[in-house]
C-alpha atoms as a PDB file:
ATOM      1  CA  MET A   1       0.864 158.215  20.164  1.00  0.00           C
ATOM      2  CA  ASP A   2       2.652 160.931  18.169  1.00  0.00           C
ATOM      3  CA  ASN A   3       0.385 163.926  17.488  1.00  0.00           C
ATOM      4  CA  SER A   4       1.556 164.061  13.871  1.00  0.00           C
ATOM      5  CA  PHE A   5       0.239 160.530  13.333  1.00  0.00           C
ATOM      6  CA  ILE A   6      -3.082 161.334  15.000  1.00  0.00           C
ATOM      7  CA  LYS A   7      -3.469 164.406  12.801  1.00  0.00           C
ATOM      8  CA  LEU A   8      -2.561 162.540   9.600  1.00  0.00           C
ATOM      9  CA  HIS A   9      -4.824 159.615  10.498  1.00  0.00           C
ATOM     10  CA  GLU A  10      -7.725 162.016  11.053  1.00  0.00           C
ATOM     11  CA  GLN A  11      -6.963 163.788   7.778  1.00  0.00           C
ATOM     12  CA  TYR A  12      -6.956 160.583   5.732  1.00  0.00           C
ATOM     13  CA  SER A  13      -9.998 159.175   7.556  1.00  0.00           C
ATOM     14  CA  GLN A  14     -12.045 162.329   7.086  1.00  0.00           C
ATOM     15  CA  ARG A  15     -11.078 162.456   3.427  1.00  0.00           C
ATOM     16  CA  VAL A  16     -12.111 158.888   2.637  1.00  0.00           C
ATOM     17  CA  ASN A  17     -15.268 159.172   4.772  1.00  0.00           C
ATOM     18  CA  GLN A  18     -16.412 162.290   2.919  1.00  0.00           C
ATOM     19  CA  LEU A  19     -15.615 160.770  -0.466  1.00  0.00           C
ATOM     20  CA  LEU A  20     -17.539 157.595   0.391  1.00  0.00           C
ATOM     21  CA  ALA A  21     -20.502 159.620   1.642  1.00  0.00           C
ATOM     22  CA  ASN A  22     -20.492 161.649  -1.573  1.00  0.00           C
ATOM     23  CA  CYS A  23     -20.448 158.511  -3.709  1.00  0.00           C
ATOM     24  CA  MET A  24     -23.293 156.964  -1.742  1.00  0.00           C
ATOM     25  CA  GLU A  25     -25.407 160.083  -2.316  1.00  0.00           C
ATOM     26  CA  ASN A  26     -25.428 159.260  -6.030  1.00  0.00           C
ATOM     27  CA  ILE A  27     -27.197 155.934  -5.392  1.00  0.00           C
ATOM     28  CA  ASP A  28     -31.007 155.884  -5.478  1.00  0.00           C
ATOM     29  CA  ALA A  29     -32.669 155.664  -2.076  1.00  0.00           C
ATOM     30  CA  SER A  30     -33.616 152.164  -0.911  1.00  0.00           C
ATOM     31  CA  LEU A  31     -33.441 149.946   2.141  1.00  0.00           C
ATOM     32  CA  LEU A  32     -30.359 148.309   0.605  1.00  0.00           C
ATOM     33  CA  LYS A  33     -28.603 151.668   0.248  1.00  0.00           C
ATOM     34  CA  GLU A  34     -29.460 152.484   3.866  1.00  0.00           C
ATOM     35  CA  ALA A  35     -27.934 149.199   5.049  1.00  0.00           C
ATOM     36  CA  MET A  36     -24.803 149.799   2.966  1.00  0.00           C
ATOM     37  CA  GLN A  37     -24.393 153.299   4.380  1.00  0.00           C
ATOM     38  CA  TYR A  38     -25.049 152.077   7.905  1.00  0.00           C
ATOM     39  CA  SER A  39     -22.007 149.818   7.844  1.00  0.00           C
ATOM     40  CA  LEU A  40     -19.751 151.728   5.451  1.00  0.00           C
ATOM     41  CA  LEU A  41     -20.042 155.084   7.229  1.00  0.00           C
ATOM     42  CA  ALA A  42     -20.080 153.751  10.801  1.00  0.00           C
ATOM     43  CA  GLY A  43     -16.524 154.856  11.493  1.00  0.00           C
ATOM     44  CA  GLY A  44     -13.713 152.396  12.103  1.00  0.00           C
ATOM     45  CA  LYS A  45      -9.957 152.811  12.070  1.00  0.00           C
ATOM     46  CA  ARG A  46      -9.648 153.162   8.257  1.00  0.00           C
ATOM     47  CA  ILE A  47      -6.304 151.366   8.384  1.00  0.00           C
ATOM     48  CA  ARG A  48      -6.460 150.217   4.769  1.00  0.00           C
ATOM     49  CA  PRO A  49      -7.193 153.657   3.261  1.00  0.00           C
ATOM     50  CA  PHE A  50      -4.419 155.048   5.472  1.00  0.00           C
ATOM     51  CA  LEU A  51      -2.017 152.527   3.940  1.00  0.00           C
ATOM     52  CA  VAL A  52      -3.057 153.505   0.416  1.00  0.00           C
ATOM     53  CA  TYR A  53      -2.537 157.194   1.113  1.00  0.00           C
ATOM     54  CA  ALA A  54       0.624 156.874   3.208  1.00  0.00           C
ATOM     55  CA  THR A  55       2.336 154.555   0.722  1.00  0.00           C
ATOM     56  CA  GLY A  56       1.494 156.742  -2.246  1.00  0.00           C
ATOM     57  CA  GLN A  57       2.439 159.964  -0.512  1.00  0.00           C
ATOM     58  CA  MET A  58       5.764 158.527   0.576  1.00  0.00           C
ATOM     59  CA  PHE A  59       6.622 158.804  -3.124  1.00  0.00           C
ATOM     60  CA  ASP A  60       4.889 162.217  -3.539  1.00  0.00           C
ATOM     61  CA  CYS A  61       1.793 160.860  -5.279  1.00  0.00           C
ATOM     62  CA  MET A  62      -1.107 163.319  -5.330  1.00  0.00           C
ATOM     63  CA  LEU A  63      -4.070 162.322  -3.174  1.00  0.00           C
ATOM     64  CA  GLU A  64      -6.528 162.408  -6.082  1.00  0.00           C
ATOM     65  CA  LYS A  65      -4.749 159.442  -7.686  1.00  0.00           C
ATOM     66  CA  LEU A  66      -5.161 157.470  -4.452  1.00  0.00           C
ATOM     67  CA  ASP A  67      -8.790 158.252  -3.609  1.00  0.00           C
ATOM     68  CA  SER A  68     -10.608 155.594  -5.615  1.00  0.00           C
ATOM     69  CA  SER A  69      -8.464 152.706  -4.381  1.00  0.00           C
ATOM     70  CA  ALA A  70      -8.665 153.986  -0.784  1.00  0.00           C
ATOM     71  CA  MET A  71     -12.470 154.004  -1.050  1.00  0.00           C
ATOM     72  CA  ALA A  72     -12.582 150.685  -2.872  1.00  0.00           C
ATOM     73  CA  ILE A  73     -10.564 148.778  -0.314  1.00  0.00           C
ATOM     74  CA  GLU A  74     -12.668 150.170   2.531  1.00  0.00           C
ATOM     75  CA  ALA A  75     -15.842 149.119   0.701  1.00  0.00           C
ATOM     76  CA  ILE A  76     -14.470 145.588   0.266  1.00  0.00           C
ATOM     77  CA  HIS A  77     -13.334 145.496   3.900  1.00  0.00           C
ATOM     78  CA  THR A  78     -16.791 146.611   5.087  1.00  0.00           C
ATOM     79  CA  TYR A  79     -18.490 143.966   2.956  1.00  0.00           C
ATOM     80  CA  SER A  80     -16.270 141.344   4.602  1.00  0.00           C
ATOM     81  CA  LEU A  81     -17.202 142.592   8.081  1.00  0.00           C
ATOM     82  CA  ILE A  82     -20.930 142.445   7.322  1.00  0.00           C
ATOM     83  CA  HIS A  83     -20.622 138.857   6.115  1.00  0.00           C
ATOM     84  CA  ASP A  84     -18.211 137.799   8.884  1.00  0.00           C
ATOM     85  CA  ASP A  85     -20.721 138.978  11.485  1.00  0.00           C
ATOM     86  CA  LEU A  86     -23.543 136.826  10.104  1.00  0.00           C
ATOM     87  CA  PRO A  87     -24.910 133.934  12.216  1.00  0.00           C
ATOM     88  CA  ALA A  88     -23.496 131.394   9.734  1.00  0.00           C
ATOM     89  CA  MET A  89     -20.022 132.878  10.180  1.00  0.00           C
ATOM     90  CA  ASP A  90     -18.837 134.575  13.403  1.00  0.00           C
ATOM     91  CA  ASN A  91     -22.335 135.376  14.717  1.00  0.00           C
ATOM     92  CA  ASP A  92     -21.529 138.805  16.165  1.00  0.00           C
ATOM     93  CA  GLU A  93     -24.158 141.255  17.345  1.00  0.00           C
ATOM     94  CA  LEU A  94     -21.934 144.309  17.864  1.00  0.00           C
ATOM     95  CA  ARG A  95     -19.578 146.072  15.458  1.00  0.00           C
ATOM     96  CA  ARG A  96     -17.916 149.480  15.947  1.00  0.00           C
ATOM     97  CA  GLY A  97     -20.092 150.004  19.015  1.00  0.00           C
ATOM     98  CA  MET A  98     -23.322 149.515  17.050  1.00  0.00           C
ATOM     99  CA  PRO A  99     -25.638 146.582  16.265  1.00  0.00           C
ATOM    100  CA  THR A 100     -24.243 144.590  13.348  1.00  0.00           C
ATOM    101  CA  CYS A 101     -25.882 145.000   9.956  1.00  0.00           C
ATOM    102  CA  HIS A 102     -27.932 141.796  10.165  1.00  0.00           C
ATOM    103  CA  ILE A 103     -29.202 142.701  13.639  1.00  0.00           C
ATOM    104  CA  LYS A 104     -30.284 146.129  12.363  1.00  0.00           C
ATOM    105  CA  TYR A 105     -31.677 145.149   8.952  1.00  0.00           C
ATOM    106  CA  GLY A 106     -32.081 141.365   8.953  1.00  0.00           C
ATOM    107  CA  GLU A 107     -29.884 138.664   7.475  1.00  0.00           C
ATOM    108  CA  ALA A 108     -31.126 138.872   3.887  1.00  0.00           C
ATOM    109  CA  THR A 109     -30.577 142.613   3.591  1.00  0.00           C
ATOM    110  CA  ALA A 110     -27.172 142.325   5.296  1.00  0.00           C
ATOM    111  CA  ILE A 111     -26.055 139.690   2.784  1.00  0.00           C
ATOM    112  CA  LEU A 112     -27.186 141.879  -0.102  1.00  0.00           C
ATOM    113  CA  ALA A 113     -25.527 144.962   1.416  1.00  0.00           C
ATOM    114  CA  GLY A 114     -22.237 143.056   1.530  1.00  0.00           C
ATOM    115  CA  ASP A 115     -22.701 141.865  -2.048  1.00  0.00           C
ATOM    116  CA  ALA A 116     -23.480 145.389  -3.249  1.00  0.00           C
ATOM    117  CA  LEU A 117     -20.498 146.905  -1.422  1.00  0.00           C
ATOM    118  CA  GLN A 118     -18.227 144.418  -3.156  1.00  0.00           C
ATOM    119  CA  SER A 119     -19.327 145.452  -6.653  1.00  0.00           C
ATOM    120  CA  PHE A 120     -19.351 149.103  -5.529  1.00  0.00           C
ATOM    121  CA  GLY A 121     -15.670 148.795  -4.609  1.00  0.00           C
ATOM    122  CA  TYR A 122     -14.690 147.458  -8.025  1.00  0.00           C
ATOM    123  CA  SER A 123     -16.694 150.148  -9.813  1.00  0.00           C
ATOM    124  CA  LEU A 124     -14.878 152.919  -7.924  1.00  0.00           C
ATOM    125  CA  ILE A 125     -11.544 151.828  -9.382  1.00  0.00           C
ATOM    126  CA  ALA A 126     -12.932 151.142 -12.852  1.00  0.00           C
ATOM    127  CA  GLN A 127     -14.401 154.662 -13.053  1.00  0.00           C
ATOM    128  CA  ASP A 128     -11.398 156.529 -11.620  1.00  0.00           C
ATOM    129  CA  PRO A 129     -10.730 159.670 -13.723  1.00  0.00           C
ATOM    130  CA  TYR A 130      -7.109 160.148 -12.621  1.00  0.00           C
ATOM    131  CA  LEU A 131      -5.555 156.739 -13.308  1.00  0.00           C
ATOM    132  CA  PRO A 132      -4.547 155.278 -16.680  1.00  0.00           C
ATOM    133  CA  ASP A 133      -6.225 152.028 -17.673  1.00  0.00           C
ATOM    134  CA  SER A 134      -3.012 150.057 -17.059  1.00  0.00           C
ATOM    135  CA  ASN A 135      -3.039 151.110 -13.394  1.00  0.00           C
ATOM    136  CA  LYS A 136      -6.721 150.284 -13.064  1.00  0.00           C
ATOM    137  CA  ILE A 137      -6.145 146.789 -14.427  1.00  0.00           C
ATOM    138  CA  LEU A 138      -3.314 146.174 -11.950  1.00  0.00           C
ATOM    139  CA  MET A 139      -5.505 147.350  -9.070  1.00  0.00           C
ATOM    140  CA  LEU A 140      -8.551 145.337 -10.138  1.00  0.00           C
ATOM    141  CA  GLN A 141      -6.413 142.211 -10.500  1.00  0.00           C
ATOM    142  CA  GLU A 142      -4.885 142.831  -7.086  1.00  0.00           C
ATOM    143  CA  LEU A 143      -8.244 143.431  -5.431  1.00  0.00           C
ATOM    144  CA  SER A 144      -9.837 140.332  -6.933  1.00  0.00           C
ATOM    145  CA  ALA A 145      -6.915 138.168  -5.799  1.00  0.00           C
ATOM    146  CA  ALA A 146      -6.741 139.697  -2.321  1.00  0.00           C
ATOM    147  CA  SER A 147     -10.458 139.489  -1.628  1.00  0.00           C
ATOM    148  CA  GLY A 148     -11.352 136.150  -3.221  1.00  0.00           C
ATOM    149  CA  ILE A 149     -10.217 132.527  -3.424  1.00  0.00           C
ATOM    150  CA  SER A 150      -6.546 133.545  -3.265  1.00  0.00           C
ATOM    151  CA  GLY A 151      -7.017 135.838  -0.281  1.00  0.00           C
ATOM    152  CA  MET A 152      -9.646 136.950   2.186  1.00  0.00           C
ATOM    153  CA  CYS A 153     -12.426 134.494   1.306  1.00  0.00           C
ATOM    154  CA  LEU A 154     -10.006 131.566   1.432  1.00  0.00           C
ATOM    155  CA  GLY A 155      -8.767 132.733   4.824  1.00  0.00           C
ATOM    156  CA  GLN A 156     -12.297 132.951   6.188  1.00  0.00           C
ATOM    157  CA  SER A 157     -13.074 129.483   4.845  1.00  0.00           C
ATOM    158  CA  LEU A 158      -9.955 128.004   6.449  1.00  0.00           C
ATOM    159  CA  ASP A 159     -10.808 129.777   9.696  1.00  0.00           C
ATOM    160  CA  LEU A 160     -14.291 128.241   9.761  1.00  0.00           C
ATOM    161  CA  GLN A 161     -12.901 124.775   8.988  1.00  0.00           C
ATOM    162  CA  ALA A 162     -10.439 125.097  11.861  1.00  0.00           C
ATOM    163  CA  GLU A 163     -13.115 125.757  14.488  1.00  0.00           C
ATOM    164  CA  HIS A 164     -13.252 123.019  17.145  1.00  0.00           C
ATOM    165  CA  ASN A 165     -10.037 121.526  15.707  1.00  0.00           C
ATOM    166  CA  ILE A 166      -6.465 121.778  16.928  1.00  0.00           C
ATOM    167  CA  ILE A 167      -4.159 123.388  14.369  1.00  0.00           C
ATOM    168  CA  THR A 168      -0.503 124.422  14.353  1.00  0.00           C
ATOM    169  CA  ILE A 169       0.801 127.965  14.647  1.00  0.00           C
ATOM    170  CA  ASP A 170       1.979 127.764  11.016  1.00  0.00           C
ATOM    171  CA  GLU A 171      -1.556 126.878   9.935  1.00  0.00           C
ATOM    172  CA  LEU A 172      -2.929 129.783  11.960  1.00  0.00           C
ATOM    173  CA  ASP A 173      -0.422 132.125  10.311  1.00  0.00           C
ATOM    174  CA  GLN A 174      -1.600 130.914   6.915  1.00  0.00           C
ATOM    175  CA  ILE A 175      -5.249 131.578   7.788  1.00  0.00           C
ATOM    176  CA  HIS A 176      -4.543 135.169   8.713  1.00  0.00           C
ATOM    177  CA  ILE A 177      -2.083 135.834   5.887  1.00  0.00           C
ATOM    178  CA  TYR A 178      -5.120 135.228   3.686  1.00  0.00           C
ATOM    179  CA  LYS A 179      -7.963 136.480   5.881  1.00  0.00           C
ATOM    180  CA  THR A 180      -6.464 139.743   7.174  1.00  0.00           C
ATOM    181  CA  GLY A 181      -3.082 140.157   5.529  1.00  0.00           C
ATOM    182  CA  ALA A 182      -4.149 139.946   1.880  1.00  0.00           C
ATOM    183  CA  LEU A 183      -6.216 143.147   1.944  1.00  0.00           C
ATOM    184  CA  ILE A 184      -3.542 144.958   3.951  1.00  0.00           C
ATOM    185  CA  LYS A 185      -0.927 143.999   1.373  1.00  0.00           C
ATOM    186  CA  ALA A 186      -3.325 145.078  -1.387  1.00  0.00           C
ATOM    187  CA  ALA A 187      -3.709 148.498   0.262  1.00  0.00           C
ATOM    188  CA  VAL A 188       0.049 149.036   0.264  1.00  0.00           C
ATOM    189  CA  ARG A 189       0.282 147.832  -3.330  1.00  0.00           C
ATOM    190  CA  PHE A 190      -2.509 150.215  -4.377  1.00  0.00           C
ATOM    191  CA  GLY A 191      -0.393 153.136  -3.208  1.00  0.00           C
ATOM    192  CA  MET A 192       2.580 151.642  -5.022  1.00  0.00           C
ATOM    193  CA  PHE A 193       0.649 151.026  -8.268  1.00  0.00           C
ATOM    194  CA  ALA A 194      -0.682 154.597  -8.291  1.00  0.00           C
ATOM    195  CA  VAL A 195       2.910 155.888  -8.169  1.00  0.00           C
ATOM    196  CA  GLY A 196       4.332 153.520 -10.789  1.00  0.00           C
ATOM    197  CA  ASP A 197       7.951 152.473 -11.368  1.00  0.00           C
ATOM    198  CA  LYS A 198       9.389 154.861  -8.793  1.00  0.00           C
ATOM    199  CA  ALA A 199       7.641 152.879  -6.054  1.00  0.00           C
ATOM    200  CA  MET A 200       7.356 149.463  -7.684  1.00  0.00           C
ATOM    201  CA  GLN A 201      11.109 148.907  -7.517  1.00  0.00           C
ATOM    202  CA  TYR A 202      10.555 148.574  -3.739  1.00  0.00           C
ATOM    203  CA  GLN A 203       7.724 146.047  -3.978  1.00  0.00           C
ATOM    204  CA  SER A 204       9.620 143.362  -2.066  1.00  0.00           C
ATOM    205  CA  GLU A 205      10.260 145.711   0.869  1.00  0.00           C
ATOM    206  CA  LEU A 206       6.703 147.054   0.830  1.00  0.00           C
ATOM    207  CA  ASP A 207       5.284 143.520   0.674  1.00  0.00           C
ATOM    208  CA  ASN A 208       7.437 142.482   3.650  1.00  0.00           C
ATOM    209  CA  TYR A 209       6.231 145.479   5.620  1.00  0.00           C
ATOM    210  CA  ALA A 210       2.599 144.693   4.781  1.00  0.00           C
ATOM    211  CA  HIS A 211       3.044 141.009   5.647  1.00  0.00           C
ATOM    212  CA  CYS A 212       4.422 141.856   9.092  1.00  0.00           C
ATOM    213  CA  ILE A 213       1.833 144.461  10.041  1.00  0.00           C
ATOM    214  CA  GLY A 214      -0.952 142.223   8.699  1.00  0.00           C
ATOM    215  CA  LEU A 215      -0.022 139.391  11.061  1.00  0.00           C
ATOM    216  CA  ALA A 216       0.673 141.822  13.896  1.00  0.00           C
ATOM    217  CA  PHE A 217      -2.779 143.348  13.414  1.00  0.00           C
ATOM    218  CA  GLN A 218      -4.450 139.958  13.847  1.00  0.00           C
ATOM    219  CA  ILE A 219      -2.323 138.999  16.843  1.00  0.00           C
ATOM    220  CA  GLN A 220      -3.203 142.296  18.531  1.00  0.00           C
ATOM    221  CA  ASP A 221      -6.879 141.562  17.822  1.00  0.00           C
ATOM    222  CA  ASP A 222      -6.484 138.203  19.585  1.00  0.00           C
ATOM    223  CA  ILE A 223      -4.724 139.891  22.513  1.00  0.00           C
ATOM    224  CA  LEU A 224      -7.530 142.438  22.829  1.00  0.00           C
ATOM    225  CA  ASP A 225     -10.128 139.662  22.695  1.00  0.00           C
ATOM    226  CA  VAL A 226      -8.583 138.469  25.975  1.00  0.00           C
ATOM    227  CA  ILE A 227      -7.631 141.684  27.772  1.00  0.00           C
ATOM    228  CA  GLY A 228      -9.463 144.447  25.875  1.00  0.00           C
ATOM    229  CA  ASN A 229     -12.266 146.692  27.130  1.00  0.00           C
ATOM    230  CA  LYS A 230     -15.600 146.050  25.378  1.00  0.00           C
ATOM    231  CA  ASN A 231     -16.642 149.697  25.687  1.00  0.00           C
ATOM    232  CA  ILE A 232     -13.423 150.882  24.018  1.00  0.00           C
ATOM    233  CA  MET A 233     -13.294 148.093  21.432  1.00  0.00           C
ATOM    234  CA  GLY A 234     -16.878 148.575  20.260  1.00  0.00           C
ATOM    235  CA  LYS A 235     -17.505 144.835  20.013  1.00  0.00           C
ATOM    236  CA  ASN A 236     -18.105 141.912  22.311  1.00  0.00           C
ATOM    237  CA  GLN A 237     -15.082 140.411  24.064  1.00  0.00           C
ATOM    238  CA  GLY A 238     -14.343 136.672  24.204  1.00  0.00           C
ATOM    239  CA  MET A 239     -16.263 135.745  21.037  1.00  0.00           C
ATOM    240  CA  ASP A 240     -13.350 133.703  19.657  1.00  0.00           C
ATOM    241  CA  LYS A 241     -13.329 131.527  22.758  1.00  0.00           C
ATOM    242  CA  GLN A 242     -17.094 131.026  22.571  1.00  0.00           C
ATOM    243  CA  LEU A 243     -16.777 129.869  18.959  1.00  0.00           C
ATOM    244  CA  ALA A 244     -13.824 127.596  19.819  1.00  0.00           C
ATOM    245  CA  LYS A 245     -11.657 129.456  17.314  1.00  0.00           C
ATOM    246  CA  ASN A 246      -7.914 128.987  17.129  1.00  0.00           C
ATOM    247  CA  THR A 247      -6.212 132.213  18.166  1.00  0.00           C
ATOM    248  CA  TYR A 248      -2.631 133.202  18.864  1.00  0.00           C
ATOM    249  CA  THR A 249      -3.393 133.560  22.557  1.00  0.00           C
ATOM    250  CA  SER A 250      -4.990 130.109  22.717  1.00  0.00           C
ATOM    251  CA  LEU A 251      -2.118 128.436  20.852  1.00  0.00           C
ATOM    252  CA  ILE A 252       0.964 130.196  22.232  1.00  0.00           C
ATOM    253  CA  GLY A 253      -0.364 132.140  25.218  1.00  0.00           C
ATOM    254  CA  LEU A 254      -0.786 135.833  25.942  1.00  0.00           C
ATOM    255  CA  GLU A 255       2.849 136.653  26.754  1.00  0.00           C
ATOM    256  CA  LYS A 256       4.267 134.896  23.668  1.00  0.00           C
ATOM    257  CA  SER A 257       1.622 136.590  21.528  1.00  0.00           C
ATOM    258  CA  ILE A 258       2.756 140.006  22.775  1.00  0.00           C
ATOM    259  CA  GLN A 259       6.392 139.098  22.068  1.00  0.00           C
ATOM    260  CA  THR A 260       5.513 137.895  18.548  1.00  0.00           C
ATOM    261  CA  CYS A 261       3.712 141.170  17.893  1.00  0.00           C
ATOM    262  CA  GLN A 262       6.819 143.100  18.921  1.00  0.00           C
ATOM    263  CA  HIS A 263       9.035 140.931  16.706  1.00  0.00           C
ATOM    264  CA  LEU A 264       6.797 141.517  13.679  1.00  0.00           C
ATOM    265  CA  TYR A 265       6.871 145.249  14.373  1.00  0.00           C
ATOM    266  CA  ARG A 266      10.667 145.242  14.312  1.00  0.00           C
ATOM    267  CA  GLN A 267      10.685 143.290  11.049  1.00  0.00           C
ATOM    268  CA  ALA A 268       8.265 145.801   9.501  1.00  0.00           C
ATOM    269  CA  ILE A 269      10.533 148.692  10.465  1.00  0.00           C
ATOM    270  CA  GLU A 270      13.570 146.862   9.067  1.00  0.00           C
ATOM    271  CA  ALA A 271      11.761 146.509   5.740  1.00  0.00           C
ATOM    272  CA  LEU A 272      11.075 150.257   5.638  1.00  0.00           C
ATOM    273  CA  ASP A 273      14.720 150.983   6.491  1.00  0.00           C
ATOM    274  CA  LYS A 274      15.618 149.668   3.029  1.00  0.00           C
ATOM    275  CA  ILE A 275      13.480 152.272   1.243  1.00  0.00           C
ATOM    276  CA  PRO A 276      15.263 155.647   0.769  1.00  0.00           C
ATOM    277  CA  TYR A 277      12.099 157.741   1.115  1.00  0.00           C
ATOM    278  CA  ASN A 278      10.308 159.275   4.094  1.00  0.00           C
ATOM    279  CA  SER A 279       8.350 156.358   5.582  1.00  0.00           C
ATOM    280  CA  LYS A 280       7.448 158.080   8.863  1.00  0.00           C
ATOM    281  CA  ALA A 281       3.685 157.592   8.407  1.00  0.00           C
ATOM    282  CA  LEU A 282       4.045 153.850   7.719  1.00  0.00           C
ATOM    283  CA  ARG A 283       6.342 153.494  10.744  1.00  0.00           C
ATOM    284  CA  GLN A 284       3.846 155.275  12.948  1.00  0.00           C
ATOM    285  CA  LEU A 285       1.052 153.057  11.688  1.00  0.00           C
ATOM    286  CA  ALA A 286       3.055 149.943  12.569  1.00  0.00           C
ATOM    287  CA  ASP A 287       3.467 151.307  16.078  1.00  0.00           C
ATOM    288  CA  PHE A 288      -0.258 152.107  16.282  1.00  0.00           C
ATOM    289  CA  ILE A 289      -1.194 148.571  15.222  1.00  0.00           C
ATOM    290  CA  ILE A 290       0.646 146.903  18.106  1.00  0.00           C
ATOM    291  CA  THR A 291      -0.290 149.477  20.761  1.00  0.00           C
ATOM    292  CA  ARG A 292      -3.964 150.086  19.939  1.00  0.00           C
ATOM    293  CA  ASN A 293      -6.697 149.214  22.431  1.00  0.00           C
ATOM    294  CA  SER A 294      -9.541 148.778  19.964  1.00  0.00           C
END
């Protein structure tokens, strides 16, 4: 992996981690706050904040105008992970190399931590001091659509309904366009909205890029669930098979899944080729997504 990408990824990750930690310090101490912090500050790849920052900075947007949406989308993503790990959902006991929130704090507190992180994410955007109200409204509308019945929650529901059933590859694509892809597209759009018209004229190209890396991200997850190293991944391997979930590797096989990932990567790069700005960071992220081992 290119050293410039590693350095930029660390820079963005450290920035959003510190900002999130600072915001959490302003919340009164409680068991609920501890559970929220436990999951929110546990590390992770911070792909979605990276997308916010990299998209905005491609058009020379200052970082301060991107901070609240980068934090917000990570808070929403973390809430989704806490709830996905619950026994009623994916029933996972390990996340980011640590016991999942419900294993550490119990199911009730984990549910409430997820709920609180969701409202926390919205409040970060609503209170942003750098963005005009029109930008905030666009971002709040985007986040509500991407995380709710038109996005992530719908995808999770469809995924649960598909367990123990045979579905088509098109149906699997649809699940993950909602479940994983919606928040990834929202992250790219957040960077675009913060910039304004200069970036929004390339919404179609940015949406295509986000669509491709969103699906590629999920396919790579399915590949790693088969061939990944548990110690590197930080979570249990083979859980999808145990839950009889439909995955790309189960429907089209490992080799075809790898080929599909490569094809989506090429499509993502082609979308960026149509934007006359420096998209190096977004290109490097696309490469990272299909070559990562965790």
